[in-house]
Amino acid sequence: MLDDNVVLVSEDRQPFFAKQKVVGAHQPGTGPKFTRVEMSDMKIIDDGTAAVLTCRGIYEGPNSSVSLKFMRVWLKKNNCWKIVAGSISK
């Protein structure tokens, strides 16, 4: 879902161009990364060729829990939706 040129802004407000880092973080490992994920407060603004999504996610693992806010910008490219920009914050 990530565009090859996706721009993401991290919690420290620094942009990074790291599709491979994000994809790698979601690959299966030797044990569960999250034991529970709950998304809420989802809002979508869609104009047909671009969309902005905001939401909150709670991620629980064996030793911790974190609540994060997300913003994602989606563009329709070649009849396929891709994330082209986004941010994450606590």
Protein backbone atom coordinates (compact mmCIF):
# COMPACT_ATOMS: atom_id res chain seq x y z
CA MET A 1 0.00 0.00 0.00
CA LEU A 2 3.00 2.32 0.44
CA ASP A 3 4.10 4.26 -2.63
CA ASP A 4 7.77 3.74 -3.49
CA ASN A 5 8.38 7.45 -2.76
CA VAL A 6 6.30 7.68 0.41
CA VAL A 7 7.26 10.47 2.84
CA LEU A 8 6.55 9.74 6.50
CA VAL A 9 7.06 12.05 9.46
CA SER A 10 8.17 10.33 12.65
CA GLU A 11 7.32 11.19 16.24
CA ASP A 12 10.35 13.51 16.40
CA ARG A 13 8.85 15.45 13.43
CA GLN A 14 11.62 14.42 11.06
CA PRO A 15 10.62 13.25 7.56
CA PHE A 16 12.05 10.00 6.32
CA PHE A 17 11.85 8.05 3.10
CA ALA A 18 11.97 4.52 4.39
CA LYS A 19 9.45 2.24 2.73
CA GLN A 20 11.72 -0.75 3.36
CA LYS A 21 11.96 0.07 7.09
CA VAL A 22 8.17 0.14 7.44
CA VAL A 23 7.70 -3.04 5.42
CA GLY A 24 10.40 -4.79 7.47
CA ALA A 25 8.76 -3.80 10.75
CA HIS A 26 5.57 -5.59 9.67
CA GLN A 27 7.22 -8.88 8.67
CA PRO A 28 6.61 -11.95 10.83
CA GLY A 29 9.33 -12.68 13.34
CA THR A 30 10.10 -15.33 15.92
CA GLY A 31 7.30 -14.19 18.23
CA PRO A 32 4.25 -11.97 18.28
CA LYS A 33 4.99 -8.26 18.04
CA PHE A 34 1.48 -7.26 19.10
CA THR A 35 -1.02 -9.27 21.07
CA ARG A 36 -3.81 -6.75 20.46
CA VAL A 37 -4.35 -3.87 18.01
CA GLU A 38 -7.39 -1.61 18.25
CA MET A 39 -8.09 1.24 15.83
CA SER A 40 -10.57 4.02 16.65
CA ASP A 41 -11.60 7.60 15.86
CA MET A 42 -11.16 6.98 12.13
CA LYS A 43 -12.02 9.92 9.88
CA ILE A 44 -11.66 9.94 6.09
CA ILE A 45 -11.86 12.88 3.71
CA ASP A 46 -12.12 11.56 0.14
CA ASP A 47 -12.30 13.67 -3.03
CA GLY A 48 -12.10 10.76 -5.48
CA THR A 49 -8.41 10.97 -6.43
CA ALA A 50 -6.93 11.83 -3.02
CA ALA A 51 -7.95 10.95 0.52
CA VAL A 52 -6.77 11.90 3.99
CA LEU A 53 -7.26 9.44 6.85
CA THR A 54 -6.76 10.13 10.55
CA CYS A 55 -7.15 7.60 13.36
CA ARG A 56 -5.87 6.41 16.71
CA GLY A 57 -4.36 3.00 17.33
CA ILE A 58 -3.67 1.12 20.55
CA TYR A 59 -0.93 -1.49 20.21
CA GLU A 60 -0.38 -3.99 23.01
CA GLY A 61 2.50 -6.42 23.15
CA PRO A 62 3.76 -8.94 25.68
CA ASN A 63 5.60 -6.22 27.65
CA SER A 64 4.10 -2.87 26.67
CA SER A 65 1.21 -0.86 25.33
CA VAL A 66 1.27 2.32 23.27
CA SER A 67 -1.40 4.65 21.89
CA LEU A 68 -0.54 6.39 18.62
CA LYS A 69 -2.25 8.90 16.32
CA PHE A 70 -1.91 8.46 12.56
CA MET A 71 -2.46 10.60 9.49
CA ARG A 72 -2.14 9.11 6.01
CA VAL A 73 -2.48 10.76 2.60
CA TRP A 74 -3.63 8.40 -0.16
CA LEU A 75 -3.50 9.09 -3.92
CA LYS A 76 -5.14 7.09 -6.65
CA LYS A 77 -2.36 6.22 -9.10
CA ASN A 78 -3.06 3.98 -12.10
CA ASN A 79 -6.41 2.96 -10.56
CA CYS A 80 -4.67 1.84 -7.36
CA TRP A 81 -4.69 3.63 -3.99
CA LYS A 82 -1.21 4.29 -2.51
CA ILE A 83 -0.06 5.98 0.69
CA VAL A 84 2.15 8.88 -0.41
CA ALA A 85 2.57 10.69 2.92
CA GLY A 86 1.82 10.28 6.58
CA SER A 87 2.67 11.03 10.17
CA ILE A 88 2.61 9.35 13.55
CA SER A 89 2.49 10.89 17.02
CA LYS A 90 1.69 9.97 20.62
